[in-house]
Every structure is written in C-alpha cells, then in structure tokens.
Amino acid sequence: MPGLYARWINGWERKLATRDTNRVVRPFEWGADWLHRIPFPFGPAEVNGNGAASVARFIDEALADSDRFYSYPPVTDFRLHEGAGHFGAREPARLTFTSPVRSPYPENNTVEALWFRAPQDRGRALVVLPQWNSGPDGHVGLARLLNRFGISSLRMTMAYHAGRKPGEIQRADYHVSSNLGRTIHACRQSILDTRACLDWLTQQGYRRLGILGTSLGSCVACIAAAHDTRVQVGVFNHVSMYFSDVVWTGLSTQNVRQGFEGSVTQDELRHYWSIISPASYLRRFQGRDMRNLLVWARHDTSFLPVYSRQVLEAFRDLRLPHQVFTLPCGHYTTGQFPFNLIDGLAMCRFAAQSM
C-alpha cells in the first residue's frame, strides 16, 4: 500500500498528465514504407506482403550493422543566425541545417538548435535534447543554467517537434506513434541530427563534448552517444532499457498503446523497436573513457521504476562508469518546482565536474 507522499505525487502526476485534451489514438500500421525510405539495403520493404516479416527482417539486419544504420552524409549547410528576440535579454543564436534524413514534410527536414555560448566554457559543450512534445522553449532554462556552470549548450529541436511539426498534427505524434516504421524513421532522424550537432561543435573547435537528454531525448541521446565516440559525458534524464516498454506501460503514452490493441504484444513490440532502444547498444560503452549520469524518478508514471532499475543494473553488470541520481517525484512532476531545480542542479554539477 503506497504511503501518503507516494499517493500525493501520483495524484499530481495524473493531474498534470491529463491537462492535454488533444491526444489522438491512431490506427496501427507496420510502416514498412517508412523503412524503405532508409537508404541502406537492410532488407526488402515487403516480404510477400507480410508486414510483420518485413519489419522483423529489417530489424534483424539493421541491428547486425547498427554503425551503418546510424551512418549519415555530412551536413554542408550549417548556418548560425543572430537571436530573434524571443528568449529575453540573453538571447541565444540559432543554428539551422538540413537534416541528413529526409521525411515527406519539408518543415521537418530543417533542423533548428539554440546556441547558448558560455563566456568562458574552456572548450566544453553539451548537446541538449528535451522531452517528447516539448515546445520551442523546452530546456532553455536548463541551457542557461549550464552556462552558469561554464558549459556551452546547443539545445536541439528533435524531429516533428515545435517548428519542425507539420501543420496536420497538434502534438509530436509522428515521432512516437502506433506506426512502427515511422517511429523508427523519426528516432533515427533525431539521432543523426544530434550527431550532426556534434559535427558543428567540432567544427567550432570544441573537443570536450557531452550530451544531455530528457525522457525521449534521453533515449535519443544514449543511442547517439553509443555510436559517436566523441561524446565523453552522457547525462540521461529518465532512463529505460526498451523504448517499447515505456510506450506500452507509461501514463503519458496510453493513447499510443491503444493503437496497438490486437495487433502486436508487448514482447513483439520490444523486438520491433529494439533498433531504437538503449538496451541494444550499452555494450558499445565498454572500454570508452566516458562518464555517465543516470537520473530516474522513484514515483515515475511514464518511465516505470522497474524499467529504470534495469538500466542501473545493466550499467553495474557491464562495469560502465556512472553515477546515479534519484528524484523523489514522478515524470511530469520533474518539471515542477522544486523538483525541476533539484534535477537541473544535479545534472549541471555532474557535467561541470566530468567535462
């Protein structure tokens, strides 16, 4: 029987989770056509018209060569623009470039990132990735707090978020949905856009690089770091081994879960989305001089604690250098005072000490 504090946090979580009234239950789709857009020969788009066989074969072949799956052509059109007056006195510059991944939506194919340069960063910079459905101001406060710790930050807008969102959707549904192939395509796009941001930082002369991601951003950050040895510090804010477990059991994704009814099981989805799950790549961190912070929330309703603890156990079993910070709240309440301040200070202090 949960105690009074746990019941209070849980009630607060549910109140915050139900504020949005524009969640949509979309029909299940295999999305093999989206996998066919990925320009690597991991398998045919269809196997005798069998969607399940198509996706399963694609995943098996992609996992066998994930370096190739997460490779990309170099970006050649980085542009840094002066601030437009939207974020107050300390206005960040805005970096734009064409995504190395193409989608059918022109607005999604231009990546935007806000550049917060610390006056004396000593060559230290982090790519910052906010949570699912974050708006254009998501993690702006965190980026500025990192500046106070002497770290520059490049806050990237992930695929289908904020200004990259097509007009036909109100939420970032195309990044996480019951269309299996589109979700894989979107996650790959955000991961490769993140690596392109690391390219830009490298071109600016930064050699001490890190990555910080929250919730969905944490998953994207982990996979990007696993495939990019330039990353020396990883800050993963809310963690789970499998992308699918969060979607299947989390409070914030129940509308997505409903789209899978009668089509796939939780175990099947875990395999289909293993290509976009941290569990598939943790061994790639072995032997690297990389420091990691794993943040989890004891009363999380989206990244259930049972799944977060699996990540902590895996890091211990693999003997990966890491620290753990436990939040005394839930997922949505992490963004509320005082938990947002507690979380932000813990992440910034770790980054400052580790870079």
Protein backbone atom coordinates (compact mmCIF):
# COMPACT_ATOMS: atom_id res chain seq x y z
CA MET A 1 0.00 0.00 0.00
CA PRO A 2 1.66 3.28 -1.09
CA GLY A 3 2.23 5.88 1.58
CA LEU A 4 0.72 9.33 1.80
CA TYR A 5 3.61 11.00 -0.05
CA ALA A 6 3.50 8.46 -2.89
CA ARG A 7 -0.25 8.90 -3.27
CA TRP A 8 0.17 12.68 -3.34
CA ILE A 9 2.84 12.53 -6.07
CA ASN A 10 0.78 10.04 -8.06
CA GLY A 11 -2.27 12.27 -7.91
CA TRP A 12 -0.20 15.26 -9.00
CA GLU A 13 1.26 13.23 -11.86
CA ARG A 14 -2.17 12.24 -13.15
CA LYS A 15 -3.46 15.78 -12.89
CA LEU A 16 -0.54 17.05 -14.98
CA ALA A 17 -0.83 14.16 -17.46
CA THR A 18 -4.48 14.84 -18.19
CA ARG A 19 -4.16 18.58 -18.86
CA ASP A 20 -3.77 17.98 -22.59
CA THR A 21 -7.01 17.12 -24.35
CA ASN A 22 -5.61 16.74 -27.88
CA ARG A 23 -4.20 13.21 -27.63
CA VAL A 24 -5.19 11.04 -30.59
CA VAL A 25 -5.45 7.25 -30.86
CA ARG A 26 -4.07 6.46 -34.30
CA PRO A 27 -4.57 3.15 -36.15
CA PHE A 28 -1.86 0.52 -36.08
CA GLU A 29 0.43 0.40 -39.14
CA TRP A 30 3.52 -1.67 -39.86
CA GLY A 31 5.07 1.26 -41.70
CA ALA A 32 7.29 -0.80 -44.00
CA ASP A 33 7.14 2.09 -46.49
CA TRP A 34 8.97 4.27 -43.93
CA LEU A 35 11.69 1.67 -43.54
CA HIS A 36 12.06 1.60 -47.29
CA ARG A 37 12.98 5.31 -47.13
CA ILE A 38 16.15 4.46 -45.21
CA PRO A 39 18.81 4.29 -47.94
CA PHE A 40 20.60 1.16 -46.79
CA PRO A 41 19.95 -2.38 -48.05
CA PHE A 42 18.82 -3.95 -44.78
CA GLY A 43 16.05 -5.90 -46.42
CA PRO A 44 13.10 -5.55 -48.78
CA ALA A 45 10.23 -3.24 -47.94
CA GLU A 46 7.85 -6.20 -48.15
CA VAL A 47 8.19 -9.93 -47.62
CA ASN A 48 5.36 -11.40 -49.66
CA GLY A 49 3.10 -8.63 -48.39
CA ASN A 50 3.70 -9.72 -44.78
CA GLY A 51 4.23 -6.60 -42.65
CA ALA A 52 5.39 -8.48 -39.58
CA ALA A 53 8.01 -10.44 -41.54
CA SER A 54 9.15 -7.27 -43.31
CA VAL A 55 9.73 -5.32 -40.12
CA ALA A 56 11.31 -8.26 -38.26
CA ARG A 57 13.78 -8.97 -41.06
CA PHE A 58 14.65 -5.29 -41.36
CA ILE A 59 15.32 -5.02 -37.62
CA ASP A 60 17.50 -8.13 -37.51
CA GLU A 61 19.67 -6.91 -40.38
CA ALA A 62 19.88 -3.34 -39.05
CA LEU A 63 20.92 -4.50 -35.57
CA ALA A 64 23.65 -6.64 -37.10
CA ASP A 65 25.18 -3.49 -38.61
CA SER A 66 24.00 -0.57 -36.49
CA ASP A 67 27.04 1.52 -37.42
CA ARG A 68 25.81 1.50 -40.97
CA PHE A 69 22.20 2.05 -39.94
CA TYR A 70 23.21 5.15 -37.97
CA SER A 71 25.64 6.50 -40.57
CA TYR A 72 24.83 9.68 -42.50
CA PRO A 73 26.17 12.00 -45.18
CA PRO A 74 27.99 15.10 -43.85
CA VAL A 75 25.94 18.26 -43.42
CA THR A 76 27.21 21.13 -45.59
CA ASP A 77 24.79 23.97 -44.88
CA PHE A 78 25.20 24.88 -41.21
CA ARG A 79 24.03 28.47 -40.66
CA LEU A 80 24.22 30.47 -37.45
CA HIS A 81 21.68 33.27 -37.11
CA GLU A 82 21.54 36.07 -34.56
CA GLY A 83 18.79 35.84 -31.95
CA ALA A 84 15.31 37.00 -32.90
CA GLY A 85 14.30 38.44 -29.52
CA HIS A 86 12.10 35.55 -28.33
CA PHE A 87 14.04 34.50 -25.24
CA GLY A 88 14.78 37.68 -23.33
CA ALA A 89 17.94 39.64 -22.67
CA ARG A 90 20.43 36.80 -23.00
CA GLU A 91 19.30 35.89 -26.49
CA PRO A 92 20.80 32.69 -27.95
CA ALA A 93 21.90 32.40 -31.54
CA ARG A 94 20.00 29.96 -33.76
CA LEU A 95 21.71 27.19 -35.71
CA THR A 96 19.89 25.71 -38.71
CA PHE A 97 20.85 22.99 -41.16
CA THR A 98 19.25 20.45 -43.47
CA SER A 99 18.66 17.15 -41.73
CA PRO A 100 20.75 14.27 -43.12
CA VAL A 101 17.48 12.28 -43.08
CA ARG A 102 14.63 13.15 -45.43
CA SER A 103 10.97 12.90 -44.49
CA PRO A 104 7.94 13.81 -46.65
CA TYR A 105 7.49 17.01 -44.61
CA PRO A 106 9.67 19.99 -45.64
CA GLU A 107 9.32 21.73 -42.27
CA ASN A 108 10.65 18.64 -40.50
CA ASN A 109 13.70 18.46 -42.74
CA THR A 110 15.22 21.68 -41.39
CA VAL A 111 16.86 21.23 -38.01
CA GLU A 112 16.85 24.09 -35.52
CA ALA A 113 19.05 24.42 -32.46
CA LEU A 114 19.57 27.25 -29.99
CA TRP A 115 23.20 28.06 -29.23
CA PHE A 116 23.95 29.22 -25.69
CA ARG A 117 27.63 30.14 -25.57
CA ALA A 118 29.16 30.38 -22.11
CA PRO A 119 31.65 33.27 -21.86
CA GLN A 120 34.41 31.03 -20.51
CA ASP A 121 33.50 27.48 -21.47
CA ARG A 122 37.09 26.16 -21.65
CA GLY A 123 36.18 24.17 -24.75
CA ARG A 124 33.24 22.37 -23.10
CA ALA A 125 29.86 21.96 -24.84
CA LEU A 126 26.76 19.80 -24.47
CA VAL A 127 24.04 18.93 -26.97
CA VAL A 128 20.74 19.22 -25.08
CA LEU A 129 17.63 17.23 -26.08
CA PRO A 130 14.31 17.96 -24.31
CA GLN A 131 11.41 15.62 -23.69
CA TRP A 132 8.70 14.38 -26.05
CA ASN A 133 6.25 17.12 -27.07
CA SER A 134 8.47 19.87 -25.68
CA GLY A 135 7.77 23.32 -27.08
CA PRO A 136 10.27 25.81 -28.53
CA ASP A 137 11.23 26.95 -25.02
CA GLY A 138 11.84 23.44 -23.65
CA HIS A 139 15.11 23.20 -21.69
CA VAL A 140 16.01 26.83 -22.43
CA GLY A 141 16.28 27.41 -18.68
CA LEU A 142 18.49 24.34 -18.33
CA ALA A 143 20.74 25.53 -21.17
CA ARG A 144 21.19 28.86 -19.40
CA LEU A 145 21.90 27.09 -16.11
CA LEU A 146 24.63 25.09 -17.85
CA ASN A 147 26.15 28.42 -18.93
CA ARG A 148 26.36 29.42 -15.27
CA PHE A 149 28.44 26.30 -14.72
CA GLY A 150 30.79 27.33 -17.55
CA ILE A 151 29.42 24.94 -20.19
CA SER A 152 28.10 26.00 -23.58
CA SER A 153 24.98 24.22 -24.79
CA LEU A 154 23.31 23.54 -28.11
CA ARG A 155 19.62 22.86 -27.50
CA MET A 156 18.30 20.88 -30.48
CA THR A 157 14.67 20.53 -31.59
CA MET A 158 14.03 16.87 -32.33
CA ALA A 159 12.11 15.61 -35.38
CA TYR A 160 8.42 16.62 -35.56
CA HIS A 161 8.70 18.98 -32.59
CA ALA A 162 7.99 22.74 -32.32
CA GLY A 163 8.83 24.43 -35.64
CA ARG A 164 9.52 21.05 -37.26
CA LYS A 165 5.96 19.85 -36.68
CA PRO A 166 3.76 19.54 -39.80
CA GLY A 167 0.58 21.60 -39.69
CA GLU A 168 -1.61 18.49 -39.80
CA ILE A 169 -0.67 17.41 -36.24
CA GLN A 170 -1.03 19.19 -32.91
CA ARG A 171 1.43 17.04 -30.98
CA ALA A 172 4.69 15.31 -31.91
CA ASP A 173 2.74 12.16 -32.79
CA TYR A 174 4.86 11.31 -35.79
CA HIS A 175 7.91 10.79 -33.56
CA VAL A 176 6.17 8.25 -31.31
CA SER A 177 3.09 6.50 -32.66
CA SER A 178 1.50 3.13 -33.45
CA ASN A 179 3.09 3.29 -36.91
CA LEU A 180 6.14 1.07 -36.28
CA GLY A 181 8.20 2.12 -39.29
CA ARG A 182 7.54 5.85 -38.96
CA THR A 183 8.60 5.80 -35.30
CA ILE A 184 11.86 4.06 -36.23
CA HIS A 185 12.43 6.56 -39.05
CA ALA A 186 11.77 9.52 -36.75
CA CYS A 187 14.05 8.27 -33.99
CA ARG A 188 16.83 7.62 -36.49
CA GLN A 189 16.37 11.16 -37.81
CA SER A 190 16.67 12.71 -34.35
CA ILE A 191 19.73 10.58 -33.57
CA LEU A 192 21.51 11.58 -36.79
CA ASP A 193 20.51 15.24 -36.34
CA THR A 194 22.14 15.03 -32.90
CA ARG A 195 25.34 13.66 -34.39
CA ALA A 196 25.29 16.49 -36.93
CA CYS A 197 25.12 18.93 -34.00
CA LEU A 198 28.26 17.26 -32.64
CA ASP A 199 29.86 17.81 -36.05
CA TRP A 200 29.10 21.54 -35.84
CA LEU A 201 30.53 21.80 -32.32
CA THR A 202 33.66 20.01 -33.50
CA GLN A 203 33.97 22.48 -36.38
CA GLN A 204 33.80 25.31 -33.84
CA GLY A 205 36.82 23.86 -32.08
CA TYR A 206 35.11 22.04 -29.19
CA ARG A 207 36.84 18.88 -28.09
CA ARG A 208 35.23 18.20 -24.71
CA LEU A 209 31.76 17.12 -25.79
CA GLY A 210 28.79 15.75 -23.96
CA ILE A 211 25.12 15.05 -24.48
CA LEU A 212 22.13 15.56 -22.19
CA GLY A 213 18.69 14.16 -22.91
CA THR A 214 15.40 14.01 -21.03
CA SER A 215 12.77 11.28 -21.44
CA LEU A 216 12.52 10.66 -25.22
CA GLY A 217 15.58 12.89 -25.51
CA SER A 218 17.39 10.56 -23.12
CA CYS A 219 16.80 7.59 -25.44
CA VAL A 220 17.96 9.58 -28.47
CA ALA A 221 21.00 10.85 -26.55
CA CYS A 222 22.01 7.36 -25.40
CA ILE A 223 21.92 5.85 -28.89
CA ALA A 224 23.69 8.84 -30.45
CA ALA A 225 26.44 8.62 -27.81
CA ALA A 226 26.76 4.85 -28.28
CA HIS A 227 27.54 5.41 -31.97
CA ASP A 228 29.73 8.50 -31.59
CA THR A 229 32.98 8.16 -29.64
CA ARG A 230 33.42 11.94 -29.49
CA VAL A 231 30.90 12.00 -26.65
CA GLN A 232 32.79 11.96 -23.35
CA VAL A 233 29.92 12.72 -20.96
CA GLY A 234 26.37 11.37 -21.06
CA VAL A 235 23.57 12.75 -18.89
CA PHE A 236 20.48 10.58 -19.27
CA ASN A 237 17.50 12.12 -17.51
CA HIS A 238 14.85 9.36 -17.05
CA VAL A 239 16.02 6.01 -18.33
CA SER A 240 14.59 2.73 -19.62
CA MET A 241 16.16 -0.21 -21.40
CA TYR A 242 13.48 -0.55 -24.07
CA PHE A 243 11.64 2.16 -25.98
CA SER A 244 8.61 -0.10 -26.24
CA ASP A 245 8.24 -0.72 -22.50
CA VAL A 246 7.78 2.99 -21.85
CA VAL A 247 5.20 3.30 -24.62
CA TRP A 248 3.35 0.17 -23.52
CA THR A 249 3.11 0.92 -19.80
CA GLY A 250 3.62 4.66 -19.39
CA LEU A 251 0.85 7.04 -18.37
CA SER A 252 1.86 9.60 -21.00
CA THR A 253 1.64 7.15 -23.92
CA GLN A 254 -1.61 5.31 -23.27
CA ASN A 255 -3.15 6.75 -26.45
CA VAL A 256 -0.26 5.24 -28.42
CA ARG A 257 -0.61 1.94 -26.58
CA GLN A 258 -4.29 1.76 -27.52
CA GLY A 259 -3.33 1.88 -31.20
CA PHE A 260 -1.56 -1.48 -30.82
CA GLU A 261 -4.60 -3.30 -29.43
CA GLY A 262 -4.98 -6.71 -31.07
CA SER A 263 -2.07 -6.18 -33.48
CA VAL A 264 1.16 -6.77 -31.51
CA THR A 265 2.11 -7.83 -28.00
CA GLN A 266 4.49 -6.04 -25.63
CA ASP A 267 7.18 -8.68 -26.30
CA GLU A 268 6.78 -8.37 -30.06
CA LEU A 269 6.97 -4.59 -29.90
CA ARG A 270 10.12 -4.84 -27.79
CA HIS A 271 11.78 -6.68 -30.67
CA TYR A 272 10.44 -4.43 -33.43
CA TRP A 273 11.68 -1.33 -31.63
CA SER A 274 14.94 -2.84 -30.36
CA ILE A 275 16.75 -0.84 -33.07
CA ILE A 276 15.74 2.38 -31.24
CA SER A 277 16.27 1.04 -27.69
CA PRO A 278 19.29 1.74 -25.45
CA ALA A 279 19.40 -1.93 -24.40
CA SER A 280 20.76 -2.88 -27.82
CA TYR A 281 23.82 -0.63 -27.51
CA LEU A 282 25.02 -0.44 -23.89
CA ARG A 283 27.94 -2.79 -24.59
CA ARG A 284 29.27 -0.19 -27.02
CA PHE A 285 30.15 1.97 -24.00
CA GLN A 286 32.57 -0.64 -22.68
CA GLY A 287 36.23 0.35 -22.96
CA ARG A 288 35.40 4.04 -23.54
CA ASP A 289 36.55 6.89 -21.33
CA MET A 290 33.00 8.18 -20.90
CA ARG A 291 31.31 9.34 -17.73
CA ASN A 292 27.57 8.89 -17.33
CA LEU A 293 24.84 10.19 -15.05
CA LEU A 294 21.65 8.13 -14.82
CA VAL A 295 18.67 10.03 -13.44
CA TRP A 296 15.50 8.22 -12.50
CA ALA A 297 12.37 9.12 -10.53
CA ARG A 298 11.18 6.92 -7.70
CA HIS A 299 7.49 7.59 -8.47
CA ASP A 300 7.69 7.79 -12.27
CA THR A 301 4.40 7.02 -14.04
CA SER A 302 5.87 7.11 -17.57
CA PHE A 303 9.31 5.51 -17.19
CA LEU A 304 8.19 2.97 -14.60
CA PRO A 305 10.83 2.41 -11.86
CA VAL A 306 11.07 -1.31 -12.70
CA TYR A 307 12.39 -0.41 -16.15
CA SER A 308 14.71 2.33 -14.87
CA ARG A 309 16.27 -0.08 -12.38
CA GLN A 310 17.05 -2.44 -15.26
CA VAL A 311 19.28 0.28 -16.73
CA LEU A 312 21.05 0.82 -13.39
CA GLU A 313 21.65 -2.93 -13.10
CA ALA A 314 22.95 -3.17 -16.67
CA PHE A 315 25.45 -0.35 -16.13
CA ARG A 316 26.66 -2.10 -12.95
CA ASP A 317 26.89 -5.52 -14.61
CA LEU A 318 28.80 -4.10 -17.60
CA ARG A 319 31.06 -2.08 -15.24
CA LEU A 320 30.34 1.15 -17.07
CA PRO A 321 31.48 4.32 -15.28
CA HIS A 322 28.37 6.02 -13.97
CA GLN A 323 26.68 7.86 -11.16
CA VAL A 324 23.03 7.58 -10.19
CA PHE A 325 20.73 10.38 -9.06
CA THR A 326 17.28 9.51 -7.75
CA LEU A 327 14.48 12.04 -7.89
CA PRO A 328 11.80 11.89 -5.16
CA CYS A 329 8.99 12.58 -7.63
CA GLY A 330 7.42 11.33 -10.85
CA HIS A 331 7.84 12.03 -14.55
CA TYR A 332 5.63 15.06 -15.06
CA THR A 333 6.42 16.44 -11.62
CA THR A 334 10.11 16.54 -12.56
CA GLY A 335 9.22 19.69 -14.49
CA GLN A 336 7.63 21.31 -11.43
CA PHE A 337 9.29 23.30 -8.64
CA PRO A 338 11.23 22.30 -6.60
CA PHE A 339 11.98 19.08 -8.49
CA ASN A 340 12.97 20.87 -11.71
CA LEU A 341 15.59 22.84 -9.79
CA ILE A 342 16.87 19.75 -7.96
CA ASP A 343 17.15 17.86 -11.25
CA GLY A 344 18.78 20.73 -13.14
CA LEU A 345 21.39 21.41 -10.49
CA ALA A 346 22.29 17.70 -10.23
CA MET A 347 22.81 17.43 -14.00
CA CYS A 348 24.77 20.68 -14.28
CA ARG A 349 27.05 19.84 -11.37
CA PHE A 350 27.80 16.42 -12.82
CA ALA A 351 28.57 17.90 -16.25
CA ALA A 352 30.83 20.58 -14.76
CA GLN A 353 32.76 18.02 -12.73
CA SER A 354 33.04 15.48 -15.56
CA MET A 355 33.99 17.60 -18.57
